[in-house]
Amino acid sequence: MDLQPDQLRTLVAVVDHGTLDAAARHLRLTPSAISQRLKALESSVGQVLLRRTKPVQVTEPGQIILRMARQLILLSDDAELALGGGVDGSRPATLPIAINGDSLNTWALEALANAAADAQIFFEVHRADEAQSTQMLRNGTVMAAVTSVAEPVQGCTVRKLGTMNYRPMAGPAFAEQWFSDGPTLEALAVAPMVAFDRVDQLQDRYLRRKTRRRIRPPRHYIPVSADFARAISLGLGWGMIPPQQSAAMEAADALVEIDPEVVIRVPLYWQQWKLHSPMLAGVADAVAETAAYALKP
């Protein structure tokens, strides 16, 4: 295969921006030029790499080439910086990563800010749970992820960051109304619950540990981490919140712990592609350093 750097950058731009027109605007080219580059790349590979839907869909062969394209682009940017130059401002070094919502809302942004201060790098952050983040690592959407999955995705390395602890919390009035006798089986079976989304299992993990049964209380779905905690403080229901997020609300008497006996511990890991990149290594170190004091061992 004779793969040209401009063709690979075009592939990445189309995937990241979703359409040929959006990629053309980003690269300051015509849509026709974008189309010609993609056709030339597909001709060289001998496979269809993208389905021209809106947004585009990456085929299985396309995932392989996309992973290689991101690696080559990052290595090229690393080399430019090592040679004393700066990465071309028209195409700044951008690292796509996936991070779960609670980490984003509590400690991970500080890590990214520290990494960005030390290198000419920009981030495209995807908020994703563990199932989504591992799939994104596999298909080339992201190059690294904060995830609760310990087993490395093929082609990735894993580094443990620490543990996020979750406690069942509620607003004071809600706790008095529903849990005046404590979190009994009868109360937990009917008390409204708040979940992040339909794949959020933290509350159900607590219920199974506490009751040894599978119960399905009524629930609200609040898919934004900060709004999730606020919804609980306002009395919509009870839910699992880490102390990094609940501390200020507890100090203001807006949240109370409904069951001091049970803590759900979620270990977090940094997974990244196996790639010798100073830029990627610097981000990994910044994430690990911030996690060392923000998370439990």
C-alpha atoms as a PDB file:
ATOM      1  CA  MET A   1       0.000   0.000   0.000  1.00  0.00           C
ATOM      2  CA  ASP A   2       1.166   3.488  -0.847  1.00  0.00           C
ATOM      3  CA  LEU A   3      -0.564   5.573   1.809  1.00  0.00           C
ATOM      4  CA  GLN A   4      -0.110   9.325   1.578  1.00  0.00           C
ATOM      5  CA  PRO A   5      -0.084  11.485   4.724  1.00  0.00           C
ATOM      6  CA  ASP A   6      -2.612  13.941   3.269  1.00  0.00           C
ATOM      7  CA  GLN A   7      -4.988  11.062   2.528  1.00  0.00           C
ATOM      8  CA  LEU A   8      -4.676   9.728   6.064  1.00  0.00           C
ATOM      9  CA  ARG A   9      -5.283  13.170   7.583  1.00  0.00           C
ATOM     10  CA  THR A  10      -8.330  13.487   5.351  1.00  0.00           C
ATOM     11  CA  LEU A  11      -9.705  10.164   6.588  1.00  0.00           C
ATOM     12  CA  VAL A  12      -9.295  11.245  10.202  1.00  0.00           C
ATOM     13  CA  ALA A  13     -10.903  14.630   9.507  1.00  0.00           C
ATOM     14  CA  VAL A  14     -13.926  13.065   7.822  1.00  0.00           C
ATOM     15  CA  VAL A  15     -14.440  10.608  10.676  1.00  0.00           C
ATOM     16  CA  ASP A  16     -14.018  13.256  13.357  1.00  0.00           C
ATOM     17  CA  HIS A  17     -16.266  15.820  11.656  1.00  0.00           C
ATOM     18  CA  GLY A  18     -18.846  13.363  10.384  1.00  0.00           C
ATOM     19  CA  THR A  19     -19.249  14.482   6.778  1.00  0.00           C
ATOM     20  CA  LEU A  20     -17.106  15.289   3.747  1.00  0.00           C
ATOM     21  CA  ASP A  21     -18.377  18.867   3.710  1.00  0.00           C
ATOM     22  CA  ALA A  22     -17.453  19.458   7.362  1.00  0.00           C
ATOM     23  CA  ALA A  23     -14.021  17.922   6.817  1.00  0.00           C
ATOM     24  CA  ALA A  24     -13.522  20.145   3.769  1.00  0.00           C
ATOM     25  CA  ARG A  25     -14.209  23.244   5.849  1.00  0.00           C
ATOM     26  CA  HIS A  26     -11.813  22.038   8.555  1.00  0.00           C
ATOM     27  CA  LEU A  27      -9.005  21.300   6.082  1.00  0.00           C
ATOM     28  CA  ARG A  28      -9.791  24.358   3.925  1.00  0.00           C
ATOM     29  CA  LEU A  29     -10.324  22.233   0.853  1.00  0.00           C
ATOM     30  CA  THR A  30     -13.231  21.650  -1.496  1.00  0.00           C
ATOM     31  CA  PRO A  31     -15.561  18.692  -0.919  1.00  0.00           C
ATOM     32  CA  SER A  32     -14.433  17.417  -4.310  1.00  0.00           C
ATOM     33  CA  ALA A  33     -10.798  17.366  -3.150  1.00  0.00           C
ATOM     34  CA  ILE A  34     -11.823  15.481   0.011  1.00  0.00           C
ATOM     35  CA  SER A  35     -13.721  12.938  -2.068  1.00  0.00           C
ATOM     36  CA  GLN A  36     -10.771  12.446  -4.417  1.00  0.00           C
ATOM     37  CA  ARG A  37      -8.371  11.841  -1.532  1.00  0.00           C
ATOM     38  CA  LEU A  38     -10.700   9.273   0.033  1.00  0.00           C
ATOM     39  CA  LYS A  39     -11.164   7.483  -3.285  1.00  0.00           C
ATOM     40  CA  ALA A  40      -7.402   7.390  -3.811  1.00  0.00           C
ATOM     41  CA  LEU A  41      -6.889   6.000  -0.288  1.00  0.00           C
ATOM     42  CA  GLU A  42      -9.567   3.341  -0.766  1.00  0.00           C
ATOM     43  CA  SER A  43      -8.091   2.444  -4.137  1.00  0.00           C
ATOM     44  CA  SER A  44      -4.658   2.008  -2.566  1.00  0.00           C
ATOM     45  CA  VAL A  45      -6.042  -0.137   0.262  1.00  0.00           C
ATOM     46  CA  GLY A  46      -8.387  -2.025  -2.044  1.00  0.00           C
ATOM     47  CA  GLN A  47     -11.260  -1.791   0.439  1.00  0.00           C
ATOM     48  CA  VAL A  48     -14.167   0.512   1.230  1.00  0.00           C
ATOM     49  CA  LEU A  49     -13.162   2.468   4.324  1.00  0.00           C
ATOM     50  CA  LEU A  50     -16.174   4.694   4.861  1.00  0.00           C
ATOM     51  CA  ARG A  51     -19.885   4.445   4.216  1.00  0.00           C
ATOM     52  CA  ARG A  52     -21.026   7.857   3.002  1.00  0.00           C
ATOM     53  CA  THR A  53     -23.889   8.223   5.455  1.00  0.00           C
ATOM     54  CA  LYS A  54     -24.525  11.247   7.686  1.00  0.00           C
ATOM     55  CA  PRO A  55     -22.497  10.949   9.800  1.00  0.00           C
ATOM     56  CA  VAL A  56     -20.103   8.662   7.964  1.00  0.00           C
ATOM     57  CA  GLN A  57     -19.697   5.100   9.227  1.00  0.00           C
ATOM     58  CA  VAL A  58     -16.293   3.451   9.407  1.00  0.00           C
ATOM     59  CA  THR A  59     -16.124  -0.063   7.962  1.00  0.00           C
ATOM     60  CA  GLU A  60     -14.054  -2.817   9.600  1.00  0.00           C
ATOM     61  CA  PRO A  61     -11.160  -2.265   7.142  1.00  0.00           C
ATOM     62  CA  GLY A  62     -11.608   1.451   7.766  1.00  0.00           C
ATOM     63  CA  GLN A  63     -11.121   0.949  11.499  1.00  0.00           C
ATOM     64  CA  ILE A  64      -7.728  -0.626  10.844  1.00  0.00           C
ATOM     65  CA  ILE A  65      -6.606   2.230   8.596  1.00  0.00           C
ATOM     66  CA  LEU A  66      -8.080   4.829  10.976  1.00  0.00           C
ATOM     67  CA  ARG A  67      -6.040   3.450  13.875  1.00  0.00           C
ATOM     68  CA  MET A  68      -2.890   3.535  11.758  1.00  0.00           C
ATOM     69  CA  ALA A  69      -3.689   7.055  10.535  1.00  0.00           C
ATOM     70  CA  ARG A  70      -4.063   8.411  14.056  1.00  0.00           C
ATOM     71  CA  GLN A  71      -0.811   6.751  15.110  1.00  0.00           C
ATOM     72  CA  LEU A  72       1.159   8.120  12.161  1.00  0.00           C
ATOM     73  CA  ILE A  73      -0.252  11.619  12.639  1.00  0.00           C
ATOM     74  CA  LEU A  74       0.622  11.617  16.341  1.00  0.00           C
ATOM     75  CA  LEU A  75       4.145  10.334  15.656  1.00  0.00           C
ATOM     76  CA  SER A  76       4.586  13.014  12.985  1.00  0.00           C
ATOM     77  CA  ASP A  77       3.482  15.708  15.433  1.00  0.00           C
ATOM     78  CA  ASP A  78       5.828  14.290  18.082  1.00  0.00           C
ATOM     79  CA  ALA A  79       8.710  14.503  15.615  1.00  0.00           C
ATOM     80  CA  GLU A  80       7.934  18.113  14.693  1.00  0.00           C
ATOM     81  CA  LEU A  81       7.973  19.126  18.352  1.00  0.00           C
ATOM     82  CA  ALA A  82      11.162  17.147  19.043  1.00  0.00           C
ATOM     83  CA  LEU A  83      12.895  18.937  16.174  1.00  0.00           C
ATOM     84  CA  GLY A  84      12.189  22.244  17.827  1.00  0.00           C
ATOM     85  CA  GLY A  85       9.341  23.314  15.624  1.00  0.00           C
ATOM     86  CA  GLY A  86       5.699  23.758  16.449  1.00  0.00           C
ATOM     87  CA  VAL A  87       2.839  21.764  15.115  1.00  0.00           C
ATOM     88  CA  ASP A  88       1.204  23.566  12.213  1.00  0.00           C
ATOM     89  CA  GLY A  89      -1.505  25.787  13.648  1.00  0.00           C
ATOM     90  CA  SER A  90      -3.895  24.826  10.850  1.00  0.00           C
ATOM     91  CA  ARG A  91      -3.837  21.238  12.135  1.00  0.00           C
ATOM     92  CA  PRO A  92      -3.004  21.322  15.866  1.00  0.00           C
ATOM     93  CA  ALA A  93      -2.124  18.038  17.542  1.00  0.00           C
ATOM     94  CA  THR A  94      -5.452  16.688  18.762  1.00  0.00           C
ATOM     95  CA  LEU A  95      -5.720  13.653  21.005  1.00  0.00           C
ATOM     96  CA  PRO A  96      -9.123  11.909  21.070  1.00  0.00           C
ATOM     97  CA  ILE A  97      -9.823  10.298  24.439  1.00  0.00           C
ATOM     98  CA  ALA A  98     -12.843   8.835  26.243  1.00  0.00           C
ATOM     99  CA  ILE A  99     -13.625   9.612  29.891  1.00  0.00           C
ATOM    100  CA  ASN A 100     -16.559   8.574  32.055  1.00  0.00           C
ATOM    101  CA  GLY A 101     -18.894  11.346  33.196  1.00  0.00           C
ATOM    102  CA  ASP A 102     -18.081  11.326  36.927  1.00  0.00           C
ATOM    103  CA  SER A 103     -14.341  11.553  36.283  1.00  0.00           C
ATOM    104  CA  LEU A 104     -14.923  14.454  33.905  1.00  0.00           C
ATOM    105  CA  ASN A 105     -17.016  16.244  36.507  1.00  0.00           C
ATOM    106  CA  THR A 106     -14.581  15.763  39.385  1.00  0.00           C
ATOM    107  CA  TRP A 107     -10.861  15.309  38.631  1.00  0.00           C
ATOM    108  CA  ALA A 108     -10.025  14.486  34.997  1.00  0.00           C
ATOM    109  CA  LEU A 109     -10.243  18.009  33.567  1.00  0.00           C
ATOM    110  CA  GLU A 110      -7.485  19.133  35.936  1.00  0.00           C
ATOM    111  CA  ALA A 111      -5.282  16.362  34.527  1.00  0.00           C
ATOM    112  CA  LEU A 112      -5.972  17.456  30.946  1.00  0.00           C
ATOM    113  CA  ALA A 113      -5.238  21.081  31.832  1.00  0.00           C
ATOM    114  CA  ASN A 114      -1.886  20.055  33.323  1.00  0.00           C
ATOM    115  CA  ALA A 115      -1.028  18.033  30.221  1.00  0.00           C
ATOM    116  CA  ALA A 116      -2.040  20.816  27.835  1.00  0.00           C
ATOM    117  CA  ALA A 117       0.103  23.309  29.737  1.00  0.00           C
ATOM    118  CA  ASP A 118       3.202  21.194  29.096  1.00  0.00           C
ATOM    119  CA  ALA A 119       2.666  20.406  25.400  1.00  0.00           C
ATOM    120  CA  GLN A 120       1.142  21.803  22.229  1.00  0.00           C
ATOM    121  CA  ILE A 121      -1.806  19.469  22.332  1.00  0.00           C
ATOM    122  CA  PHE A 122      -5.572  19.733  22.163  1.00  0.00           C
ATOM    123  CA  PHE A 123      -8.164  17.214  23.299  1.00  0.00           C
ATOM    124  CA  GLU A 124     -11.307  15.838  21.779  1.00  0.00           C
ATOM    125  CA  VAL A 125     -13.026  14.299  24.785  1.00  0.00           C
ATOM    126  CA  HIS A 126     -15.792  11.750  24.385  1.00  0.00           C
ATOM    127  CA  ARG A 127     -17.933  11.184  27.466  1.00  0.00           C
ATOM    128  CA  ALA A 128     -18.389   7.424  27.558  1.00  0.00           C
ATOM    129  CA  ASP A 129     -19.069   4.571  29.956  1.00  0.00           C
ATOM    130  CA  GLU A 130     -16.833   1.511  30.078  1.00  0.00           C
ATOM    131  CA  ALA A 131     -18.620  -0.373  27.288  1.00  0.00           C
ATOM    132  CA  GLN A 132     -18.466   2.606  24.959  1.00  0.00           C
ATOM    133  CA  SER A 133     -14.864   3.494  25.811  1.00  0.00           C
ATOM    134  CA  THR A 134     -13.492   0.037  25.058  1.00  0.00           C
ATOM    135  CA  GLN A 135     -15.342  -0.066  21.748  1.00  0.00           C
ATOM    136  CA  MET A 136     -13.958   3.372  20.876  1.00  0.00           C
ATOM    137  CA  LEU A 137     -10.437   2.115  21.576  1.00  0.00           C
ATOM    138  CA  ARG A 138     -11.011  -0.867  19.302  1.00  0.00           C
ATOM    139  CA  ASN A 139     -12.479   0.996  16.357  1.00  0.00           C
ATOM    140  CA  GLY A 140     -10.014   3.880  16.341  1.00  0.00           C
ATOM    141  CA  THR A 141     -12.349   6.621  17.573  1.00  0.00           C
ATOM    142  CA  VAL A 142     -10.079   7.333  20.558  1.00  0.00           C
ATOM    143  CA  MET A 143      -6.457   6.616  21.379  1.00  0.00           C
ATOM    144  CA  ALA A 144      -6.834   6.508  25.164  1.00  0.00           C
ATOM    145  CA  ALA A 145      -9.555   6.233  27.778  1.00  0.00           C
ATOM    146  CA  VAL A 146     -10.315   6.467  31.483  1.00  0.00           C
ATOM    147  CA  THR A 147     -12.363   3.325  32.028  1.00  0.00           C
ATOM    148  CA  SER A 148     -13.370   0.829  34.687  1.00  0.00           C
ATOM    149  CA  VAL A 149     -12.271  -2.081  32.475  1.00  0.00           C
ATOM    150  CA  ALA A 150      -9.065  -3.702  33.746  1.00  0.00           C
ATOM    151  CA  GLU A 151      -8.522  -6.132  30.886  1.00  0.00           C
ATOM    152  CA  PRO A 152      -6.560  -4.406  28.119  1.00  0.00           C
ATOM    153  CA  VAL A 153      -8.237  -3.897  24.781  1.00  0.00           C
ATOM    154  CA  GLN A 154      -6.194  -5.585  22.050  1.00  0.00           C
ATOM    155  CA  GLY A 155      -3.285  -3.336  21.149  1.00  0.00           C
ATOM    156  CA  CYS A 156      -3.545  -1.299  24.360  1.00  0.00           C
ATOM    157  CA  THR A 157      -1.691  -0.986  27.653  1.00  0.00           C
ATOM    158  CA  VAL A 158      -3.423  -0.572  31.033  1.00  0.00           C
ATOM    159  CA  ARG A 159      -2.423   1.509  34.031  1.00  0.00           C
ATOM    160  CA  LYS A 160      -4.448   1.523  37.266  1.00  0.00           C
ATOM    161  CA  LEU A 161      -5.375   5.025  38.387  1.00  0.00           C
ATOM    162  CA  GLY A 162      -7.209   4.429  41.662  1.00  0.00           C
ATOM    163  CA  THR A 163     -10.710   3.845  42.931  1.00  0.00           C
ATOM    164  CA  MET A 164     -13.820   6.010  42.863  1.00  0.00           C
ATOM    165  CA  ASN A 165     -16.041   5.308  45.873  1.00  0.00           C
ATOM    166  CA  TYR A 166     -19.811   5.785  45.622  1.00  0.00           C
ATOM    167  CA  ARG A 167     -22.220   6.154  48.552  1.00  0.00           C
ATOM    168  CA  PRO A 168     -26.054   6.177  48.500  1.00  0.00           C
ATOM    169  CA  MET A 169     -27.133   9.774  48.986  1.00  0.00           C
ATOM    170  CA  ALA A 170     -30.394  11.717  49.162  1.00  0.00           C
ATOM    171  CA  GLY A 171     -31.726  15.155  50.005  1.00  0.00           C
ATOM    172  CA  PRO A 172     -32.551  15.552  53.726  1.00  0.00           C
ATOM    173  CA  ALA A 173     -36.324  15.862  53.206  1.00  0.00           C
ATOM    174  CA  PHE A 174     -36.357  12.875  50.858  1.00  0.00           C
ATOM    175  CA  ALA A 175     -34.358  10.787  53.324  1.00  0.00           C
ATOM    176  CA  GLU A 176     -36.762  11.665  56.127  1.00  0.00           C
ATOM    177  CA  GLN A 177     -39.796  10.844  53.986  1.00  0.00           C
ATOM    178  CA  TRP A 178     -38.616   7.522  52.570  1.00  0.00           C
ATOM    179  CA  PHE A 179     -35.899   6.261  54.929  1.00  0.00           C
ATOM    180  CA  SER A 180     -36.984   7.351  58.404  1.00  0.00           C
ATOM    181  CA  ASP A 181     -36.420   3.741  59.531  1.00  0.00           C
ATOM    182  CA  GLY A 182     -33.276   3.359  57.425  1.00  0.00           C
ATOM    183  CA  PRO A 183     -32.791   1.801  53.975  1.00  0.00           C
ATOM    184  CA  THR A 184     -35.022  -1.212  54.579  1.00  0.00           C
ATOM    185  CA  LEU A 185     -36.025  -3.631  51.836  1.00  0.00           C
ATOM    186  CA  GLU A 186     -39.562  -2.269  51.933  1.00  0.00           C
ATOM    187  CA  ALA A 187     -38.375   1.336  51.551  1.00  0.00           C
ATOM    188  CA  LEU A 188     -35.837   0.620  48.825  1.00  0.00           C
ATOM    189  CA  ALA A 189     -38.430  -1.268  46.777  1.00  0.00           C
ATOM    190  CA  VAL A 190     -40.642   1.821  46.409  1.00  0.00           C
ATOM    191  CA  ALA A 191     -38.445   4.894  46.999  1.00  0.00           C
ATOM    192  CA  PRO A 192     -37.771   6.781  43.728  1.00  0.00           C
ATOM    193  CA  MET A 193     -34.228   6.352  42.440  1.00  0.00           C
ATOM    194  CA  VAL A 194     -32.052   8.468  40.132  1.00  0.00           C
ATOM    195  CA  ALA A 195     -29.902   6.752  37.495  1.00  0.00           C
ATOM    196  CA  PHE A 196     -27.512   8.352  35.036  1.00  0.00           C
ATOM    197  CA  ASP A 197     -28.977   6.488  32.046  1.00  0.00           C
ATOM    198  CA  ARG A 198     -30.365   3.048  31.196  1.00  0.00           C
ATOM    199  CA  VAL A 199     -26.927   1.401  31.308  1.00  0.00           C
ATOM    200  CA  ASP A 200     -25.999   2.859  34.707  1.00  0.00           C
ATOM    201  CA  GLN A 201     -25.778  -0.102  37.108  1.00  0.00           C
ATOM    202  CA  LEU A 202     -24.369   1.571  40.238  1.00  0.00           C
ATOM    203  CA  GLN A 203     -27.691   1.962  42.036  1.00  0.00           C
ATOM    204  CA  ASP A 204     -28.696  -1.595  41.173  1.00  0.00           C
ATOM    205  CA  ARG A 205     -25.351  -2.874  42.463  1.00  0.00           C
ATOM    206  CA  TYR A 206     -26.078  -1.203  45.789  1.00  0.00           C
ATOM    207  CA  LEU A 207     -29.601  -2.662  45.893  1.00  0.00           C
ATOM    208  CA  ARG A 208     -28.348  -6.198  45.237  1.00  0.00           C
ATOM    209  CA  ARG A 209     -25.649  -5.892  47.893  1.00  0.00           C
ATOM    210  CA  LYS A 210     -28.030  -4.407  50.439  1.00  0.00           C
ATOM    211  CA  THR A 211     -31.089  -6.590  49.863  1.00  0.00           C
ATOM    212  CA  ARG A 212     -29.656  -9.727  48.175  1.00  0.00           C
ATOM    213  CA  ARG A 213     -32.610  -9.431  45.820  1.00  0.00           C
ATOM    214  CA  ARG A 214     -33.346  -7.957  42.405  1.00  0.00           C
ATOM    215  CA  ILE A 215     -35.797  -5.148  42.991  1.00  0.00           C
ATOM    216  CA  ARG A 216     -36.861  -2.479  40.514  1.00  0.00           C
ATOM    217  CA  PRO A 217     -37.886   0.766  42.213  1.00  0.00           C
ATOM    218  CA  PRO A 218     -39.235   3.630  40.063  1.00  0.00           C
ATOM    219  CA  ARG A 219     -36.461   5.770  38.643  1.00  0.00           C
ATOM    220  CA  HIS A 220     -35.553   9.018  36.946  1.00  0.00           C
ATOM    221  CA  TYR A 221     -32.797   9.233  34.314  1.00  0.00           C
ATOM    222  CA  ILE A 222     -30.529  12.298  34.517  1.00  0.00           C
ATOM    223  CA  PRO A 223     -27.667  11.898  31.992  1.00  0.00           C
ATOM    224  CA  VAL A 224     -25.385  14.765  33.108  1.00  0.00           C
ATOM    225  CA  SER A 225     -23.096  14.175  36.083  1.00  0.00           C
ATOM    226  CA  ALA A 226     -23.497  17.588  37.764  1.00  0.00           C
ATOM    227  CA  ASP A 227     -27.256  17.638  37.144  1.00  0.00           C
ATOM    228  CA  PHE A 228     -27.471  14.074  38.487  1.00  0.00           C
ATOM    229  CA  ALA A 229     -26.200  15.171  41.909  1.00  0.00           C
ATOM    230  CA  ARG A 230     -28.376  18.284  41.892  1.00  0.00           C
ATOM    231  CA  ALA A 231     -31.470  16.248  41.038  1.00  0.00           C
ATOM    232  CA  ILE A 232     -30.811  14.074  44.069  1.00  0.00           C
ATOM    233  CA  SER A 233     -30.287  17.084  46.319  1.00  0.00           C
ATOM    234  CA  LEU A 234     -33.611  18.522  45.094  1.00  0.00           C
ATOM    235  CA  GLY A 235     -35.457  15.386  46.149  1.00  0.00           C
ATOM    236  CA  LEU A 236     -36.136  13.581  42.875  1.00  0.00           C
ATOM    237  CA  GLY A 237     -34.762  10.369  44.349  1.00  0.00           C
ATOM    238  CA  TRP A 238     -31.734   8.742  45.925  1.00  0.00           C
ATOM    239  CA  GLY A 239     -28.579   7.786  44.028  1.00  0.00           C
ATOM    240  CA  MET A 240     -24.908   6.837  44.228  1.00  0.00           C
ATOM    241  CA  ILE A 241     -22.534   9.830  44.336  1.00  0.00           C
ATOM    242  CA  PRO A 242     -18.745   9.948  44.885  1.00  0.00           C
ATOM    243  CA  PRO A 243     -17.472  12.147  47.745  1.00  0.00           C
ATOM    244  CA  GLN A 244     -15.515  14.284  45.249  1.00  0.00           C
ATOM    245  CA  GLN A 245     -18.907  15.420  44.005  1.00  0.00           C
ATOM    246  CA  SER A 246     -21.011  15.312  47.154  1.00  0.00           C
ATOM    247  CA  ALA A 247     -18.694  17.012  49.674  1.00  0.00           C
ATOM    248  CA  ALA A 248     -19.818  20.597  49.031  1.00  0.00           C
ATOM    249  CA  MET A 249     -23.497  19.638  49.035  1.00  0.00           C
ATOM    250  CA  GLU A 250     -23.046  17.669  52.263  1.00  0.00           C
ATOM    251  CA  ALA A 251     -21.359  20.675  53.877  1.00  0.00           C
ATOM    252  CA  ALA A 252     -24.343  22.797  52.816  1.00  0.00           C
ATOM    253  CA  ASP A 253     -26.770  20.205  54.236  1.00  0.00           C
ATOM    254  CA  ALA A 254     -28.179  19.562  50.745  1.00  0.00           C
ATOM    255  CA  LEU A 255     -27.219  15.873  50.742  1.00  0.00           C
ATOM    256  CA  VAL A 256     -27.123  13.173  53.405  1.00  0.00           C
ATOM    257  CA  GLU A 257     -25.807   9.622  53.362  1.00  0.00           C
ATOM    258  CA  ILE A 258     -28.641   7.114  53.691  1.00  0.00           C
ATOM    259  CA  ASP A 259     -26.531   4.010  54.361  1.00  0.00           C
ATOM    260  CA  PRO A 260     -23.060   4.475  55.920  1.00  0.00           C
ATOM    261  CA  GLU A 261     -22.508   0.705  55.917  1.00  0.00           C
ATOM    262  CA  VAL A 262     -22.240   0.249  52.138  1.00  0.00           C
ATOM    263  CA  VAL A 263     -19.763   1.763  49.680  1.00  0.00           C
ATOM    264  CA  ILE A 264     -19.571   0.719  46.034  1.00  0.00           C
ATOM    265  CA  ARG A 265     -15.964   0.840  44.848  1.00  0.00           C
ATOM    266  CA  VAL A 266     -15.230   1.353  41.151  1.00  0.00           C
ATOM    267  CA  PRO A 267     -11.576   0.951  40.105  1.00  0.00           C
ATOM    268  CA  LEU A 268     -10.480   3.199  37.258  1.00  0.00           C
ATOM    269  CA  TYR A 269      -7.805   2.508  34.656  1.00  0.00           C
ATOM    270  CA  TRP A 270      -6.015   4.384  31.899  1.00  0.00           C
ATOM    271  CA  GLN A 271      -5.979   2.409  28.677  1.00  0.00           C
ATOM    272  CA  GLN A 272      -4.020   3.672  25.682  1.00  0.00           C
ATOM    273  CA  TRP A 273      -2.758   2.369  22.399  1.00  0.00           C
ATOM    274  CA  LYS A 274       0.677   0.738  22.442  1.00  0.00           C
ATOM    275  CA  LEU A 275       2.513   3.600  20.813  1.00  0.00           C
ATOM    276  CA  HIS A 276       5.875   5.172  21.634  1.00  0.00           C
ATOM    277  CA  SER A 277       4.688   8.776  21.672  1.00  0.00           C
ATOM    278  CA  PRO A 278       6.127  11.368  24.083  1.00  0.00           C
ATOM    279  CA  MET A 279       2.934  13.388  23.688  1.00  0.00           C
ATOM    280  CA  LEU A 280       0.670  10.480  24.632  1.00  0.00           C
ATOM    281  CA  ALA A 281       3.027   9.437  27.443  1.00  0.00           C
ATOM    282  CA  GLY A 282       2.924  12.965  28.855  1.00  0.00           C
ATOM    283  CA  VAL A 283      -0.861  12.912  28.958  1.00  0.00           C
ATOM    284  CA  ALA A 284      -0.828   9.493  30.637  1.00  0.00           C
ATOM    285  CA  ASP A 285       1.577  10.759  33.315  1.00  0.00           C
ATOM    286  CA  ALA A 286      -0.556  13.864  33.949  1.00  0.00           C
ATOM    287  CA  VAL A 287      -3.684  11.731  34.322  1.00  0.00           C
ATOM    288  CA  ALA A 288      -1.922   9.312  36.693  1.00  0.00           C
ATOM    289  CA  GLU A 289      -0.458  12.122  38.814  1.00  0.00           C
ATOM    290  CA  THR A 290      -3.824  13.833  39.241  1.00  0.00           C
ATOM    291  CA  ALA A 291      -5.585  10.550  39.952  1.00  0.00           C
ATOM    292  CA  ALA A 292      -2.999   9.713  42.639  1.00  0.00           C
ATOM    293  CA  TYR A 293      -4.386  12.375  44.976  1.00  0.00           C
ATOM    294  CA  ALA A 294      -7.956  12.653  43.627  1.00  0.00           C
ATOM    295  CA  LEU A 295      -8.834   8.950  43.919  1.00  0.00           C
ATOM    296  CA  LYS A 296      -8.549   6.300  46.598  1.00  0.00           C
ATOM    297  CA  PRO A 297      -5.685   3.767  46.120  1.00  0.00           C
END
